[in-house]
Amino acid sequence: MDLKIIKQLRQMSGVGVQECQKSLQEAKGDIKKAIEILRKKGQKIIAAKGARATKEGLIEAYVHSNRKIGSMVQLVCETDFVARNEEFKNLAHDIAMQVAAADPGWIGPSDVPGEVIEREKKLYRETIPKDKPQKVKEKIIKGKLEKFYQEVCLLKQPFIKDDKITIEKLIEIHVAKLGENIKVKNFIRFSL
């Protein structure tokens, strides 16, 4: 197997050399197929780790250069070893920067209070033409609610450094890289 391709896949995925090599062999040298194989393996790893206890972690602070916006994020993981890892610290910093820049209201959709969701649904219902079939109305409401979550839920927001991925996906990438369950436990944003 060509070392240049292995190195390229490793840089693209952040996965170890052996896993890259195995995936490339399975994909018969096709780097796109190898990435898909790694993604599938990563999803299995994430699902397996999702229930594991997160008792360690750190609190990261970010203050914008104008000194008028700041945030703090509590990011948790399973072990102190990972909490001290530079990749984990960088992830915490990126998430703190995201909170300062994007001003989310909640961590994820399950954290949004029911009355807020109902208020949004009511607003959406009022804007949908009356002649639309009920199934179409429900699809429209569901789509608008997903868009709402992307605006107000940290995990659903596009990452400010790469809008092709969400914060949720960014965390999943780090779960696969670091081999531990990682969660945003809390955050706060300050502004003048």
Foldseek 3Di string as FASTA:
>chain_A
DDPVLLVVLCVVQVADSVLSVVLCVVVVNDSVSSVVVLVVVLVVLQVVQQPDDWDAADKDKDADPVRFKIKIWTKTWRDPVVNPDPVRNVLRHQLRVCCRPQVAAEAAPVPDDPVVLVVLLVVLLVPDDPPDDPVVSVVSSVVVVLVVRCRHHQQNDQRPVGSVHGSVVVQSSVCSNVVIHMDTPDMDMGGD
